[in-house]
C-alpha atoms as a PDB file:
ATOM      1  CA  UNK A   1     -63.160  66.777   3.405  1.00  0.00           C
ATOM      2  CA  UNK A   2     -59.833  65.091   4.161  1.00  0.00           C
ATOM      3  CA  UNK A   3     -58.385  62.181   2.205  1.00  0.00           C
ATOM      4  CA  UNK A   4     -59.563  59.526   4.674  1.00  0.00           C
ATOM      5  CA  UNK A   5     -63.136  60.837   4.392  1.00  0.00           C
ATOM      6  CA  UNK A   6     -62.859  60.722   0.606  1.00  0.00           C
ATOM      7  CA  UNK A   7     -61.735  57.086   0.766  1.00  0.00           C
ATOM      8  CA  UNK A   8     -64.738  56.318   2.987  1.00  0.00           C
ATOM      9  CA  UNK A   9     -66.967  58.038   0.433  1.00  0.00           C
ATOM     10  CA  UNK A  10     -65.453  55.934  -2.365  1.00  0.00           C
ATOM     11  CA  UNK A  11     -66.300  52.789  -0.377  1.00  0.00           C
ATOM     12  CA  UNK A  12     -69.902  53.914   0.006  1.00  0.00           C
ATOM     13  CA  UNK A  13     -70.292  55.174  -3.584  1.00  0.00           C
ATOM     14  CA  UNK A  14     -68.734  52.048  -5.102  1.00  0.00           C
ATOM     15  CA  UNK A  15     -70.496  49.802  -2.564  1.00  0.00           C
ATOM     16  CA  UNK A  16     -67.343  47.834  -1.741  1.00  0.00           C
ATOM     17  CA  UNK A  17     -65.762  46.679   1.482  1.00  0.00           C
ATOM     18  CA  UNK A  18     -62.470  48.070   2.746  1.00  0.00           C
ATOM     19  CA  UNK A  19     -60.869  44.653   2.145  1.00  0.00           C
ATOM     20  CA  UNK A  20     -62.013  44.543  -1.465  1.00  0.00           C
ATOM     21  CA  UNK A  21     -60.902  48.150  -1.973  1.00  0.00           C
ATOM     22  CA  UNK A  22     -57.444  47.311  -0.595  1.00  0.00           C
ATOM     23  CA  UNK A  23     -57.229  44.309  -2.922  1.00  0.00           C
ATOM     24  CA  UNK A  24     -58.423  46.381  -5.890  1.00  0.00           C
ATOM     25  CA  UNK A  25     -55.800  49.103  -5.475  1.00  0.00           C
ATOM     26  CA  UNK A  26     -53.042  46.706  -4.408  1.00  0.00           C
ATOM     27  CA  UNK A  27     -52.340  47.563  -0.772  1.00  0.00           C
ATOM     28  CA  UNK A  28     -52.356  45.470   2.387  1.00  0.00           C
ATOM     29  CA  UNK A  29     -55.732  45.082   4.039  1.00  0.00           C
ATOM     30  CA  UNK A  30     -54.167  46.015   7.371  1.00  0.00           C
ATOM     31  CA  UNK A  31     -52.954  49.309   5.865  1.00  0.00           C
ATOM     32  CA  UNK A  32     -56.517  50.076   4.797  1.00  0.00           C
ATOM     33  CA  UNK A  33     -57.767  49.283   8.289  1.00  0.00           C
ATOM     34  CA  UNK A  34     -55.179  51.592   9.864  1.00  0.00           C
ATOM     35  CA  UNK A  35     -56.137  54.428   7.521  1.00  0.00           C
ATOM     36  CA  UNK A  36     -59.873  54.076   8.166  1.00  0.00           C
ATOM     37  CA  UNK A  37     -59.253  53.921  11.924  1.00  0.00           C
ATOM     38  CA  UNK A  38     -57.247  57.154  11.758  1.00  0.00           C
ATOM     39  CA  UNK A  39     -53.966  55.579  12.913  1.00  0.00           C
ATOM     40  CA  UNK A  40     -52.233  56.284   9.588  1.00  0.00           C
ATOM     41  CA  UNK A  41     -52.707  58.790   6.802  1.00  0.00           C
ATOM     42  CA  UNK A  42     -52.922  57.732   3.151  1.00  0.00           C
ATOM     43  CA  UNK A  43     -49.615  57.974   1.297  1.00  0.00           C
ATOM     44  CA  UNK A  44     -48.998  59.517  -2.110  1.00  0.00           C
ATOM     45  CA  UNK A  45     -48.395  55.993  -3.419  1.00  0.00           C
ATOM     46  CA  UNK A  46     -51.874  55.014  -2.248  1.00  0.00           C
ATOM     47  CA  UNK A  47     -53.420  58.056  -3.944  1.00  0.00           C
ATOM     48  CA  UNK A  48     -51.673  57.086  -7.178  1.00  0.00           C
ATOM     49  CA  UNK A  49     -53.018  53.545  -6.887  1.00  0.00           C
ATOM     50  CA  UNK A  50     -56.557  54.841  -6.289  1.00  0.00           C
ATOM     51  CA  UNK A  51     -56.389  57.107  -9.351  1.00  0.00           C
ATOM     52  CA  UNK A  52     -54.927  54.294 -11.455  1.00  0.00           C
ATOM     53  CA  UNK A  53     -57.660  51.831 -10.432  1.00  0.00           C
ATOM     54  CA  UNK A  54     -60.534  54.365 -10.386  1.00  0.00           C
ATOM     55  CA  UNK A  55     -59.648  56.955 -13.048  1.00  0.00           C
ATOM     56  CA  UNK A  56     -63.269  58.146 -13.082  1.00  0.00           C
ATOM     57  CA  UNK A  57     -62.697  59.826  -9.695  1.00  0.00           C
ATOM     58  CA  UNK A  58     -60.071  62.206 -11.030  1.00  0.00           C
ATOM     59  CA  UNK A  59     -56.953  63.315  -9.228  1.00  0.00           C
ATOM     60  CA  UNK A  60     -58.405  66.796  -8.696  1.00  0.00           C
ATOM     61  CA  UNK A  61     -61.210  65.429  -6.539  1.00  0.00           C
ATOM     62  CA  UNK A  62     -58.903  63.248  -4.477  1.00  0.00           C
ATOM     63  CA  UNK A  63     -56.204  65.840  -3.821  1.00  0.00           C
ATOM     64  CA  UNK A  64     -58.208  69.073  -3.924  1.00  0.00           C
ATOM     65  CA  UNK A  65     -61.715  70.118  -3.003  1.00  0.00           C
ATOM     66  CA  UNK A  66     -62.911  69.807  -6.585  1.00  0.00           C
ATOM     67  CA  UNK A  67     -66.393  68.317  -6.992  1.00  0.00           C
ATOM     68  CA  UNK A  68     -66.606  64.627  -7.805  1.00  0.00           C
ATOM     69  CA  UNK A  69     -66.841  64.182 -11.584  1.00  0.00           C
ATOM     70  CA  UNK A  70     -70.190  62.912 -12.821  1.00  0.00           C
ATOM     71  CA  UNK A  71     -69.835  59.657 -14.717  1.00  0.00           C
ATOM     72  CA  UNK A  72     -72.187  57.193 -16.232  1.00  0.00           C
ATOM     73  CA  UNK A  73     -71.947  53.717 -14.761  1.00  0.00           C
ATOM     74  CA  UNK A  74     -70.187  51.272 -17.034  1.00  0.00           C
ATOM     75  CA  UNK A  75     -71.808  47.867 -17.377  1.00  0.00           C
ATOM     76  CA  UNK A  76     -69.403  45.083 -16.462  1.00  0.00           C
ATOM     77  CA  UNK A  77     -69.965  41.779 -18.234  1.00  0.00           C
ATOM     78  CA  UNK A  78     -71.185  39.061 -15.880  1.00  0.00           C
ATOM     79  CA  UNK A  79     -68.211  36.697 -16.477  1.00  0.00           C
ATOM     80  CA  UNK A  80     -65.828  39.453 -15.389  1.00  0.00           C
ATOM     81  CA  UNK A  81     -67.720  39.817 -12.116  1.00  0.00           C
ATOM     82  CA  UNK A  82     -67.629  36.066 -11.538  1.00  0.00           C
ATOM     83  CA  UNK A  83     -63.883  35.857 -12.116  1.00  0.00           C
ATOM     84  CA  UNK A  84     -63.345  38.796  -9.749  1.00  0.00           C
ATOM     85  CA  UNK A  85     -65.421  37.101  -7.066  1.00  0.00           C
ATOM     86  CA  UNK A  86     -63.333  33.955  -7.338  1.00  0.00           C
ATOM     87  CA  UNK A  87     -60.085  35.847  -6.987  1.00  0.00           C
ATOM     88  CA  UNK A  88     -61.239  38.055  -4.130  1.00  0.00           C
ATOM     89  CA  UNK A  89     -62.985  35.366  -2.117  1.00  0.00           C
ATOM     90  CA  UNK A  90     -59.831  33.253  -1.789  1.00  0.00           C
ATOM     91  CA  UNK A  91     -58.023  34.398   1.366  1.00  0.00           C
ATOM     92  CA  UNK A  92     -54.433  35.361   0.784  1.00  0.00           C
ATOM     93  CA  UNK A  93     -51.861  33.917   3.192  1.00  0.00           C
ATOM     94  CA  UNK A  94     -50.119  36.513   5.275  1.00  0.00           C
ATOM     95  CA  UNK A  95     -46.598  37.238   4.127  1.00  0.00           C
ATOM     96  CA  UNK A  96     -44.115  36.596   6.933  1.00  0.00           C
ATOM     97  CA  UNK A  97     -41.869  39.461   7.887  1.00  0.00           C
ATOM     98  CA  UNK A  98     -38.326  38.385   7.200  1.00  0.00           C
ATOM     99  CA  UNK A  99     -35.698  39.940   9.402  1.00  0.00           C
ATOM    100  CA  UNK A 100     -32.540  40.993   7.621  1.00  0.00           C
ATOM    101  CA  UNK A 101     -30.471  40.829  10.792  1.00  0.00           C
ATOM    102  CA  UNK A 102     -28.531  37.772  11.873  1.00  0.00           C
ATOM    103  CA  UNK A 103     -30.534  35.519  14.176  1.00  0.00           C
ATOM    104  CA  UNK A 104     -29.647  35.655  17.842  1.00  0.00           C
ATOM    105  CA  UNK A 105     -28.103  32.381  18.998  1.00  0.00           C
ATOM    106  CA  UNK A 106     -28.854  31.653  22.628  1.00  0.00           C
ATOM    107  CA  UNK A 107     -26.592  29.408  24.696  1.00  0.00           C
ATOM    108  CA  UNK A 108     -27.887  25.901  25.324  1.00  0.00           C
ATOM    109  CA  UNK A 109     -30.009  25.719  28.469  1.00  0.00           C
ATOM    110  CA  UNK A 110     -29.867  22.815  30.896  1.00  0.00           C
ATOM    111  CA  UNK A 111     -32.319  22.033  33.674  1.00  0.00           C
ATOM    112  CA  UNK A 112     -30.717  22.432  37.103  1.00  0.00           C
ATOM    113  CA  UNK A 113     -33.648  21.582  39.340  1.00  0.00           C
ATOM    114  CA  UNK A 114     -37.382  20.898  39.269  1.00  0.00           C
ATOM    115  CA  UNK A 115     -39.779  21.836  42.081  1.00  0.00           C
ATOM    116  CA  UNK A 116     -43.132  20.097  42.508  1.00  0.00           C
ATOM    117  CA  UNK A 117     -45.676  21.762  44.783  1.00  0.00           C
ATOM    118  CA  UNK A 118     -48.482  19.681  46.275  1.00  0.00           C
ATOM    119  CA  UNK A 119     -51.944  20.819  47.329  1.00  0.00           C
ATOM    120  CA  UNK A 120     -51.161  20.190  51.025  1.00  0.00           C
ATOM    121  CA  UNK A 121     -48.444  22.871  50.969  1.00  0.00           C
ATOM    122  CA  UNK A 122     -45.476  20.530  50.706  1.00  0.00           C
ATOM    123  CA  UNK A 123     -43.038  20.392  47.859  1.00  0.00           C
ATOM    124  CA  UNK A 124     -40.361  18.146  46.459  1.00  0.00           C
ATOM    125  CA  UNK A 125     -37.127  19.255  44.831  1.00  0.00           C
ATOM    126  CA  UNK A 126     -35.266  17.303  42.148  1.00  0.00           C
ATOM    127  CA  UNK A 127     -31.714  18.201  41.121  1.00  0.00           C
ATOM    128  CA  UNK A 128     -29.829  16.749  38.202  1.00  0.00           C
ATOM    129  CA  UNK A 129     -26.859  14.714  39.307  1.00  0.00           C
END
């Protein structure tokens, strides 16, 4: 089973959406989408984040073909679930990509002429004096 398949299995086993999983491990939702679609492969940084957030999975299972460790489910207090829901349900604004290059300054443009085409096939041309 490759790493992408293991991530899909985590989603099913933990019963969470890809968006929530991305939020939980601290990666962009779009990155998660690209990985699940097969466009990108998970990075080592992502594997480290998965292990840090879900230590019960074990690094051996994620990186090797070791069997998934058997764990007992841990009860999460209800208030903790409520606070998580509030944080996750609020959509995060997309971070703009800031270019580090100097902006391109275009020369000022001036209108030279305007053409108006009519439905009868005629047209009229206007030039600036």
